[in-house]
Amino acid sequence: MVPVTAADPTGYTPTAKEYDPATTGTVDQQVAAGKTPPTSPLFVMDITYNAYLGLYIGEPQAVDQSGDAPQQLYATDNLATQKWRPIGDTGGYHTASWYRWFLDAANRTGSAIVGKNFRSYCSFGCSGGASGEYVNLAIDSSAPAAAPFDPARTYRIAGGGGRVLTQVSGSSATTSTATGTGTGLDAWTFTGNGDGSYRIANAATGRLLGVPTTPAAGRAWGTAPIVTAPGSGGPTVGQQWFVVPVTSPSTGAATGTYRLVNRYSGLVIGLSGTAGRLAETTPVRAWTDSGGAVGGGRGAGEQTLTVTAVGGSSGGLDGDHTLVTGGQALDDPGHSTTAGTRLITYTANGGANQTWRFTRQGDGSYELRNAESGLCADVSGGSTAPGAEVIQWTCTGGANQHWTFTRRSDGSYTVASVKSGLALTTASKTPGAPVTQQTDTGSALQRWTLG
């Protein structure tokens, strides 16, 4: 394989230019004479799925083994056709990189799928002659993978056999049912975390789907997913999911189904009618077990999920809205046009200083721009700490100015910062109460309706 170019759109060395055993001379002589191809830039390449980009990325061994060249990075959207294109390099970080592998920055154990931020490990031939190291990398994009589902809608998640993922009433446990229950316990919302992962919230309870992160048994084969409140700093790594499209192994075309891969464990949700494993997480499966003691008759269809919209608006939230909780609206106090002004809640009056223009981002989150000041709702200083002030600031496109909206069964929303995962919260129902970001506790002061 070779990188795709305009001159070579196939991604493979033409047969006529391949090595011929009848050709004489050393390798260097044959390469110089054009009788055999030089080392491919894709030589000894490790790959991973980058969920933020929605692409497979690869880092090959450096063709330049001097140690004075940056690490090259390539990407493809289809492992069936294997057309790899260069997407950049590591700039001033130079390495000969004999052996390499990726790890996701959040779980630091998974190499098959990574988010926007990840570690690139090297063993032998590393920078400065080191024998082993890692560097933290992030690949940004003006057009990351589009959100697979509308965050303003609720969805039913079903396995290949039709079993529906459902939260058990009055419990944090999950199960699967033969049909939908119609209670909201079988409906879920998908909200992007801004890095390629998603939080999946139950529409009836607002709690997040996940697996335990303590003890480490949450990584064990067969762990049942649970539905619990977010962690103190937002969704825990066990409450984050990669939504991976299922593709045809022969063509690479999307089938319209998905696998939900837990970010902490790397295991995939499976739904079946078998007692003891109605809802579970297990390693990804592409075949049907014949009935062995370990596989237990599990098949790929249990993990091949259809996600069907069952509620909410398909039009998204773009446009002008007020945000109201307890009769108090998110408010730019005193009609200020000054960057840094702390936001409050005040008696809803529909004024321009209480009107916010919602603009949807590629990850499904929203920028909130005040109609009067033209400034954006912003977590001060990009803080990830509970209690940080929410202010208005010049719109920068930063993650601390992007907000996710998780719809609840009563039609209200939990509004959370993409940067921190913490919930937009007013201090009280008294006019003039300050607004901060806080851990989602389910308080009425964190439930917002759109006007």
Protein backbone atom coordinates (compact mmCIF):
# COMPACT_ATOMS: atom_id res chain seq x y z
CA MET A 1 0.00 0.00 0.00
CA VAL A 2 1.03 3.58 -0.68
CA PRO A 3 -0.63 6.92 0.07
CA VAL A 4 -3.36 8.00 -2.33
CA THR A 5 -2.36 10.76 -4.73
CA ALA A 6 -3.82 12.30 -7.87
CA ALA A 7 -1.34 10.23 -9.87
CA ASP A 8 -2.13 7.03 -7.95
CA PRO A 9 -5.76 7.06 -6.76
CA THR A 10 -5.82 3.33 -5.94
CA GLY A 11 -3.52 3.39 -2.92
CA TYR A 12 -1.51 0.42 -4.22
CA THR A 13 1.77 0.12 -6.11
CA PRO A 14 1.02 -0.78 -9.76
CA THR A 15 1.85 -4.40 -10.56
CA ALA A 16 4.37 -3.35 -13.19
CA LYS A 17 6.37 -1.47 -10.56
CA GLU A 18 6.42 -4.27 -7.97
CA TYR A 19 9.56 -6.25 -7.13
CA ASP A 20 10.51 -8.87 -9.72
CA PRO A 21 12.77 -11.73 -8.49
CA ALA A 22 14.41 -11.85 -11.92
CA THR A 23 15.77 -8.32 -11.53
CA THR A 24 19.46 -8.19 -10.64
CA GLY A 25 21.33 -5.77 -8.41
CA THR A 26 21.12 -4.68 -4.80
CA VAL A 27 17.93 -3.21 -3.35
CA ASP A 28 19.38 0.30 -3.56
CA GLN A 29 20.39 -0.27 -7.18
CA GLN A 30 16.96 -1.62 -8.12
CA VAL A 31 15.17 1.28 -6.40
CA ALA A 32 17.45 3.80 -8.12
CA ALA A 33 16.74 2.15 -11.48
CA GLY A 34 12.98 2.16 -10.88
CA LYS A 35 12.91 -1.65 -10.93
CA THR A 36 11.51 -2.06 -7.42
CA PRO A 37 9.51 0.37 -5.27
CA PRO A 38 11.12 2.22 -2.37
CA THR A 39 9.91 1.67 1.19
CA SER A 40 6.28 2.68 1.39
CA PRO A 41 5.50 5.67 3.63
CA LEU A 42 2.80 3.38 5.14
CA PHE A 43 5.36 0.74 6.20
CA VAL A 44 4.60 -0.95 9.57
CA MET A 45 1.64 1.33 10.35
CA ASP A 46 -0.47 0.99 13.48
CA ILE A 47 -4.05 2.25 13.24
CA THR A 48 -6.96 3.25 15.44
CA TYR A 49 -10.46 4.64 14.96
CA ASN A 50 -10.57 8.34 15.83
CA ALA A 51 -14.16 8.94 16.94
CA TYR A 52 -13.78 12.73 16.86
CA LEU A 53 -12.85 12.68 13.17
CA GLY A 54 -14.95 9.64 12.26
CA LEU A 55 -11.86 8.31 10.47
CA TYR A 56 -9.28 5.59 10.92
CA ILE A 57 -5.87 7.14 11.52
CA GLY A 58 -2.46 5.56 11.20
CA GLU A 59 1.13 6.31 12.12
CA PRO A 60 3.77 4.36 10.17
CA GLN A 61 7.40 3.71 10.92
CA ALA A 62 9.45 6.64 9.71
CA VAL A 63 10.99 6.13 6.28
CA ASP A 64 13.70 8.57 7.38
CA GLN A 65 15.44 6.59 10.14
CA SER A 66 17.80 9.42 11.10
CA GLY A 67 15.49 10.54 13.89
CA ASP A 68 15.38 14.03 12.41
CA ALA A 69 11.93 13.84 10.81
CA PRO A 70 8.44 14.31 12.29
CA GLN A 71 6.00 11.45 12.73
CA GLN A 72 3.63 11.28 9.77
CA LEU A 73 -0.11 10.72 10.23
CA TYR A 74 -2.54 9.28 7.67
CA ALA A 75 -6.30 8.71 7.56
CA THR A 76 -8.91 6.69 5.69
CA ASP A 77 -12.68 6.46 5.96
CA ASN A 78 -12.85 2.89 4.69
CA LEU A 79 -10.83 -0.14 5.78
CA ALA A 80 -12.24 -2.19 2.90
CA THR A 81 -10.64 0.02 0.25
CA GLN A 82 -7.62 1.14 2.34
CA LYS A 83 -7.13 4.51 0.64
CA TRP A 84 -4.83 6.34 3.04
CA ARG A 85 -4.25 10.08 2.74
CA PRO A 86 -1.71 12.23 4.62
CA ILE A 87 -3.34 14.50 7.21
CA GLY A 88 -0.32 16.04 8.92
CA ASP A 89 2.70 15.39 11.07
CA THR A 90 4.07 16.12 14.54
CA GLY A 91 6.05 19.20 13.52
CA GLY A 92 8.99 19.76 15.86
CA TYR A 93 8.61 16.38 17.53
CA HIS A 94 11.01 14.10 15.64
CA THR A 95 11.30 10.33 15.87
CA ALA A 96 12.43 7.26 13.93
CA SER A 97 9.71 5.26 15.76
CA TRP A 98 10.38 1.56 15.31
CA TYR A 99 7.24 0.51 17.18
CA ARG A 100 4.20 2.67 17.88
CA TRP A 101 0.72 2.44 19.35
CA PHE A 102 -2.17 4.70 20.34
CA LEU A 103 -4.01 5.05 23.64
CA ASP A 104 -7.11 7.12 24.31
CA ALA A 105 -6.30 10.02 26.66
CA ALA A 106 -9.36 9.45 28.86
CA ASN A 107 -9.04 5.73 29.61
CA ARG A 108 -5.29 5.30 28.94
CA THR A 109 -5.80 1.61 28.19
CA GLY A 110 -7.77 1.43 24.94
CA SER A 111 -5.96 1.46 21.61
CA ALA A 112 -8.78 0.43 19.25
CA ILE A 113 -10.74 3.71 19.54
CA VAL A 114 -9.54 7.15 20.62
CA GLY A 115 -11.13 10.55 21.04
CA LYS A 116 -9.85 13.92 19.95
CA ASN A 117 -6.98 13.73 22.45
CA PHE A 118 -4.79 10.65 22.58
CA ARG A 119 -1.34 9.37 23.41
CA SER A 120 1.13 8.22 20.79
CA TYR A 121 3.62 5.74 22.25
CA CYS A 122 7.02 4.89 20.82
CA SER A 123 9.38 2.02 21.59
CA PHE A 124 12.94 2.26 20.22
CA GLY A 125 14.12 4.94 17.84
CA CYS A 126 12.23 7.61 19.76
CA SER A 127 13.07 11.31 19.96
CA GLY A 128 16.57 12.17 21.07
CA GLY A 129 17.55 8.50 20.94
CA ALA A 130 15.16 7.50 23.73
CA SER A 131 14.11 3.85 23.87
CA GLY A 132 10.55 4.54 24.99
CA GLU A 133 8.17 7.47 25.48
CA TYR A 134 4.74 8.87 24.69
CA VAL A 135 3.53 12.25 23.53
CA ASN A 136 0.07 13.77 23.88
CA LEU A 137 -1.50 14.54 20.51
CA ALA A 138 -4.76 16.02 19.29
CA ILE A 139 -5.99 16.22 15.71
CA ASP A 140 -8.36 19.14 15.26
CA SER A 141 -10.67 19.66 12.32
CA SER A 142 -13.00 22.33 11.02
CA ALA A 143 -15.33 19.51 10.00
CA PRO A 144 -15.25 16.73 12.62
CA ALA A 145 -17.61 13.78 12.42
CA ALA A 146 -21.22 14.94 12.46
CA ALA A 147 -23.35 13.99 15.44
CA PRO A 148 -25.10 10.71 14.54
CA PHE A 149 -28.28 11.65 16.40
CA ASP A 150 -30.20 14.85 17.11
CA PRO A 151 -29.61 15.86 20.76
CA ALA A 152 -33.09 17.40 20.83
CA ARG A 153 -34.73 14.02 20.22
CA THR A 154 -35.15 10.86 22.25
CA TYR A 155 -34.30 7.45 20.80
CA ARG A 156 -35.05 3.78 21.31
CA ILE A 157 -32.01 1.47 21.28
CA ALA A 158 -32.68 -2.10 20.10
CA GLY A 159 -30.52 -5.13 19.36
CA GLY A 160 -30.65 -7.23 16.22
CA GLY A 161 -33.30 -9.44 17.81
CA GLY A 162 -35.53 -6.48 18.62
CA ARG A 163 -34.77 -6.35 22.35
CA VAL A 164 -35.04 -2.77 23.67
CA LEU A 165 -32.59 -1.23 26.17
CA THR A 166 -34.57 -0.09 29.22
CA GLN A 167 -33.82 1.31 32.66
CA VAL A 168 -35.46 -0.74 35.41
CA SER A 169 -38.14 1.31 37.18
CA GLY A 170 -36.97 2.60 40.56
CA SER A 171 -33.47 1.21 40.06
CA SER A 172 -30.13 2.08 38.50
CA ALA A 173 -30.11 -1.28 36.71
CA THR A 174 -30.79 -1.83 33.03
CA THR A 175 -32.50 -4.64 31.19
CA SER A 176 -33.87 -5.36 27.75
CA THR A 177 -37.53 -5.84 26.95
CA ALA A 178 -39.21 -7.58 24.04
CA THR A 179 -40.99 -4.35 23.08
CA GLY A 180 -40.97 -0.71 24.12
CA THR A 181 -42.56 0.13 27.46
CA GLY A 182 -43.85 3.59 26.54
CA THR A 183 -42.78 4.90 29.96
CA GLY A 184 -39.74 6.91 28.87
CA LEU A 185 -37.49 4.40 30.63
CA ASP A 186 -36.80 2.88 27.21
CA ALA A 187 -35.94 6.23 25.58
CA TRP A 188 -32.50 7.84 25.53
CA THR A 189 -30.81 11.06 24.44
CA PHE A 190 -27.34 11.34 22.90
CA THR A 191 -25.27 14.40 23.77
CA GLY A 192 -21.75 15.00 22.46
CA ASN A 193 -18.89 15.62 24.87
CA GLY A 194 -16.97 17.57 22.23
CA ASP A 195 -14.22 14.99 21.76
CA GLY A 196 -15.94 12.24 19.78
CA SER A 197 -17.56 10.57 22.80
CA TYR A 198 -21.19 10.83 23.91
CA ARG A 199 -23.20 10.76 27.08
CA ILE A 200 -26.40 8.74 26.83
CA ALA A 201 -29.12 9.90 29.23
CA ASN A 202 -32.35 8.17 30.13
CA ALA A 203 -35.30 10.31 29.06
CA ALA A 204 -37.35 9.49 32.15
CA THR A 205 -34.72 9.90 34.87
CA GLY A 206 -32.06 12.10 33.25
CA ARG A 207 -29.38 9.78 34.60
CA LEU A 208 -26.45 8.62 32.46
CA LEU A 209 -25.85 5.18 31.01
CA GLY A 210 -22.48 3.73 32.00
CA VAL A 211 -20.48 1.08 33.80
CA PRO A 212 -18.82 1.31 37.23
CA THR A 213 -15.27 2.66 37.22
CA THR A 214 -14.56 1.51 40.78
CA PRO A 215 -13.73 -1.25 41.29
CA ALA A 216 -12.02 -2.18 38.04
CA ALA A 217 -14.51 -5.04 37.69
CA GLY A 218 -16.52 -2.61 35.56
CA ARG A 219 -14.15 -3.63 32.77
CA ALA A 220 -15.06 -7.32 33.14
CA TRP A 221 -16.73 -9.38 30.42
CA GLY A 222 -20.48 -9.41 31.03
CA THR A 223 -20.67 -6.23 33.11
CA ALA A 224 -24.23 -4.93 33.04
CA PRO A 225 -24.65 -1.23 32.19
CA ILE A 226 -26.17 0.95 34.91
CA VAL A 227 -27.85 4.37 34.96
CA THR A 228 -26.49 6.83 37.53
CA ALA A 229 -25.93 10.54 38.18
CA PRO A 230 -22.92 12.20 36.51
CA GLY A 231 -19.64 12.40 38.39
CA SER A 232 -18.68 15.52 40.34
CA GLY A 233 -16.79 16.89 37.33
CA GLY A 234 -19.27 15.79 34.69
CA PRO A 235 -19.63 12.37 33.04
CA THR A 236 -17.10 9.85 34.32
CA VAL A 237 -15.10 7.92 31.75
CA GLY A 238 -17.46 5.02 32.48
CA GLN A 239 -20.39 7.25 31.44
CA GLN A 240 -18.88 8.08 28.06
CA TRP A 241 -19.59 6.09 24.91
CA PHE A 242 -18.20 5.88 21.42
CA VAL A 243 -20.96 5.55 18.81
CA VAL A 244 -19.36 3.45 16.07
CA PRO A 245 -21.19 2.93 12.75
CA VAL A 246 -21.35 -0.71 11.65
CA THR A 247 -19.99 -1.13 8.12
CA SER A 248 -20.03 -3.86 5.50
CA PRO A 249 -16.80 -5.89 5.70
CA SER A 250 -16.72 -6.22 1.91
CA THR A 251 -17.44 -2.63 0.87
CA GLY A 252 -17.00 -0.52 4.01
CA ALA A 253 -20.43 1.05 3.44
CA ALA A 254 -22.42 2.04 6.52
CA THR A 255 -25.30 -0.32 7.31
CA GLY A 256 -27.33 2.17 9.36
CA THR A 257 -26.70 0.28 12.58
CA TYR A 258 -24.28 1.03 15.41
CA ARG A 259 -22.18 -0.38 18.21
CA LEU A 260 -22.06 1.45 21.53
CA VAL A 261 -18.57 1.06 22.96
CA ASN A 262 -17.96 2.04 26.56
CA ARG A 263 -14.98 4.37 26.80
CA TYR A 264 -13.77 2.99 30.13
CA SER A 265 -13.96 -0.73 29.41
CA GLY A 266 -13.81 -0.88 25.63
CA LEU A 267 -16.72 -3.34 25.81
CA VAL A 268 -19.83 -3.19 23.65
CA ILE A 269 -23.49 -3.15 24.72
CA GLY A 270 -25.31 -6.37 23.84
CA LEU A 271 -29.04 -7.06 24.24
CA SER A 272 -30.60 -10.52 24.33
CA GLY A 273 -33.51 -12.49 25.74
CA THR A 274 -31.20 -14.83 27.64
CA ALA A 275 -31.70 -14.74 31.40
CA GLY A 276 -28.70 -13.35 33.26
CA ARG A 277 -27.52 -11.22 30.35
CA LEU A 278 -30.53 -9.27 29.13
CA ALA A 279 -28.26 -6.21 28.89
CA GLU A 280 -24.50 -6.55 29.16
CA THR A 281 -21.15 -5.33 27.87
CA THR A 282 -18.78 -7.77 26.16
CA PRO A 283 -15.91 -7.65 23.66
CA VAL A 284 -16.92 -6.80 20.11
CA ARG A 285 -18.19 -9.89 18.29
CA ALA A 286 -18.38 -10.48 14.55
CA TRP A 287 -19.53 -14.11 14.65
CA THR A 288 -22.04 -16.33 16.47
CA ASP A 289 -20.63 -18.51 19.23
CA SER A 290 -21.38 -22.21 18.80
CA GLY A 291 -22.33 -22.65 22.43
CA GLY A 292 -19.00 -22.76 24.24
CA ALA A 293 -18.86 -22.07 27.95
CA VAL A 294 -17.25 -18.66 27.44
CA GLY A 295 -19.16 -17.36 24.43
CA GLY A 296 -22.47 -18.73 25.68
CA GLY A 297 -24.11 -18.63 22.26
CA ARG A 298 -23.63 -14.88 21.84
CA GLY A 299 -23.95 -13.51 18.32
CA ALA A 300 -22.95 -10.32 16.51
CA GLY A 301 -26.60 -9.30 16.21
CA GLU A 302 -26.85 -8.72 19.96
CA GLN A 303 -24.35 -5.86 19.59
CA THR A 304 -25.66 -4.57 16.24
CA LEU A 305 -28.02 -1.84 17.41
CA THR A 306 -30.71 0.14 15.67
CA VAL A 307 -31.35 3.61 17.08
CA THR A 308 -34.83 4.92 16.29
CA ALA A 309 -36.21 8.38 17.10
CA VAL A 310 -39.30 8.23 19.31
CA GLY A 311 -39.75 11.79 20.57
CA GLY A 312 -38.69 15.42 20.42
CA SER A 313 -38.25 17.77 17.50
CA SER A 314 -36.26 16.76 14.44
CA GLY A 315 -35.53 20.40 13.64
CA GLY A 316 -32.90 20.99 16.31
CA LEU A 317 -32.82 24.05 18.54
CA ASP A 318 -31.30 26.63 16.19
CA GLY A 319 -32.84 30.08 16.47
CA ASP A 320 -33.75 32.60 19.17
CA HIS A 321 -34.87 31.29 22.57
CA THR A 322 -35.21 32.23 26.20
CA LEU A 323 -33.94 29.84 28.89
CA VAL A 324 -36.24 29.76 31.90
CA THR A 325 -36.18 27.91 35.22
CA GLY A 326 -38.74 28.52 37.95
CA GLY A 327 -40.08 31.56 36.11
CA GLN A 328 -36.61 33.15 35.99
CA ALA A 329 -34.83 33.64 32.65
CA LEU A 330 -31.11 33.55 31.86
CA ASP A 331 -30.36 37.27 31.75
CA ASP A 332 -27.65 39.73 30.74
CA PRO A 333 -28.03 42.08 33.74
CA GLY A 334 -28.55 45.77 33.13
CA HIS A 335 -28.55 45.23 29.35
CA SER A 336 -24.75 45.19 29.59
CA THR A 337 -22.59 45.01 26.48
CA THR A 338 -19.41 44.47 28.50
CA ALA A 339 -17.42 41.26 28.14
CA GLY A 340 -17.00 39.57 31.51
CA THR A 341 -20.43 40.51 32.88
CA ARG A 342 -21.70 37.71 35.10
CA LEU A 343 -25.02 36.22 33.99
CA ILE A 344 -28.01 35.98 36.31
CA THR A 345 -31.58 34.76 36.25
CA TYR A 346 -34.31 37.38 36.40
CA THR A 347 -38.08 37.46 36.06
CA ALA A 348 -38.86 36.36 32.50
CA ASN A 349 -39.91 39.33 30.36
CA GLY A 350 -38.88 38.32 26.83
CA GLY A 351 -36.41 41.20 26.50
CA ALA A 352 -33.49 41.16 24.08
CA ASN A 353 -31.11 40.74 27.03
CA GLN A 354 -32.95 37.49 27.87
CA THR A 355 -32.97 36.23 24.29
CA TRP A 356 -30.23 33.87 23.16
CA ARG A 357 -29.42 32.86 19.60
CA PHE A 358 -28.74 29.12 19.46
CA THR A 359 -26.30 27.97 16.77
CA ARG A 360 -25.73 24.25 16.48
CA GLN A 361 -22.14 23.01 16.25
CA GLY A 362 -20.83 19.95 14.43
CA ASP A 363 -20.82 17.87 17.62
CA GLY A 364 -24.48 18.64 18.36
CA SER A 365 -23.77 21.26 21.03
CA TYR A 366 -24.86 24.90 20.78
CA GLU A 367 -23.31 28.35 20.97
CA LEU A 368 -25.55 30.78 22.91
CA ARG A 369 -25.19 34.38 21.74
CA ASN A 370 -27.06 37.14 23.56
CA ALA A 371 -29.38 39.07 21.22
CA GLU A 372 -28.62 42.42 22.86
CA SER A 373 -24.90 42.31 23.59
CA GLY A 374 -23.78 39.93 20.84
CA LEU A 375 -21.61 38.16 23.43
CA CYS A 376 -21.64 34.43 24.19
CA ALA A 377 -22.52 32.51 27.34
CA ASP A 378 -19.10 31.45 28.63
CA VAL A 379 -17.68 29.48 31.57
CA SER A 380 -15.23 32.00 32.99
CA GLY A 381 -11.61 31.15 32.31
CA GLY A 382 -12.53 27.82 30.74
CA SER A 383 -12.86 26.40 34.24
CA THR A 384 -13.81 22.76 34.82
CA ALA A 385 -14.50 23.32 38.53
CA PRO A 386 -17.97 23.29 40.09
CA GLY A 387 -19.01 26.80 41.11
CA ALA A 388 -17.26 28.60 38.26
CA GLU A 389 -19.08 31.73 37.10
CA VAL A 390 -21.00 31.80 33.84
CA ILE A 391 -20.37 35.13 32.11
CA GLN A 392 -20.83 36.70 28.69
CA TRP A 393 -17.69 37.00 26.60
CA THR A 394 -16.58 37.68 23.05
CA CYS A 395 -17.54 34.63 20.99
CA THR A 396 -14.43 32.52 20.37
CA GLY A 397 -15.79 29.10 19.43
CA GLY A 398 -14.15 27.58 22.50
CA ALA A 399 -15.52 24.48 24.24
CA ASN A 400 -16.31 26.63 27.29
CA GLN A 401 -18.79 28.54 25.08
CA HIS A 402 -20.51 25.43 23.74
CA TRP A 403 -23.43 23.85 25.57
CA THR A 404 -25.16 20.50 25.31
CA PHE A 405 -28.92 20.16 25.78
CA THR A 406 -30.21 16.89 27.22
CA ARG A 407 -33.98 16.62 26.93
CA ARG A 408 -35.91 15.19 29.88
CA SER A 409 -39.21 13.35 29.77
CA ASP A 410 -41.07 16.48 31.02
CA GLY A 411 -39.75 18.53 28.08
CA SER A 412 -37.21 20.50 30.09
CA TYR A 413 -33.47 20.37 29.45
CA THR A 414 -30.27 19.88 31.36
CA VAL A 415 -27.76 22.34 29.89
CA ALA A 416 -24.10 21.40 30.32
CA SER A 417 -20.77 22.93 29.33
CA VAL A 418 -18.91 20.93 26.69
CA LYS A 419 -15.65 21.93 28.37
CA SER A 420 -16.48 20.73 31.88
CA GLY A 421 -19.58 18.58 31.56
CA LEU A 422 -21.09 20.54 34.47
CA ALA A 423 -24.67 21.79 34.48
CA LEU A 424 -25.87 25.38 34.02
CA THR A 425 -27.30 26.24 37.45
CA THR A 426 -28.97 29.25 39.03
CA ALA A 427 -28.50 29.88 42.74
CA SER A 428 -32.21 30.37 43.53
CA LYS A 429 -35.61 31.37 42.21
CA THR A 430 -35.07 34.92 43.49
CA PRO A 431 -34.66 37.57 40.75
CA GLY A 432 -30.99 38.46 40.35
CA ALA A 433 -29.60 35.05 41.38
CA PRO A 434 -26.12 34.38 39.94
CA VAL A 435 -25.55 31.57 37.45
CA THR A 436 -22.72 29.05 37.77
CA GLN A 437 -21.81 25.58 36.56
CA GLN A 438 -22.38 22.80 39.07
CA THR A 439 -22.50 19.03 39.29
CA ASP A 440 -25.85 17.79 38.03
CA THR A 441 -27.82 16.85 41.14
CA GLY A 442 -31.25 16.75 39.55
CA SER A 443 -32.19 20.06 41.19
CA ALA A 444 -35.05 22.08 39.73
CA LEU A 445 -32.55 24.95 39.52
CA GLN A 446 -30.77 22.98 36.78
CA ARG A 447 -33.84 22.28 34.63
CA TRP A 448 -34.44 24.77 31.84
CA THR A 449 -37.36 25.26 29.47
CA LEU A 450 -37.02 26.96 26.11
CA GLY A 451 -39.21 29.84 25.08
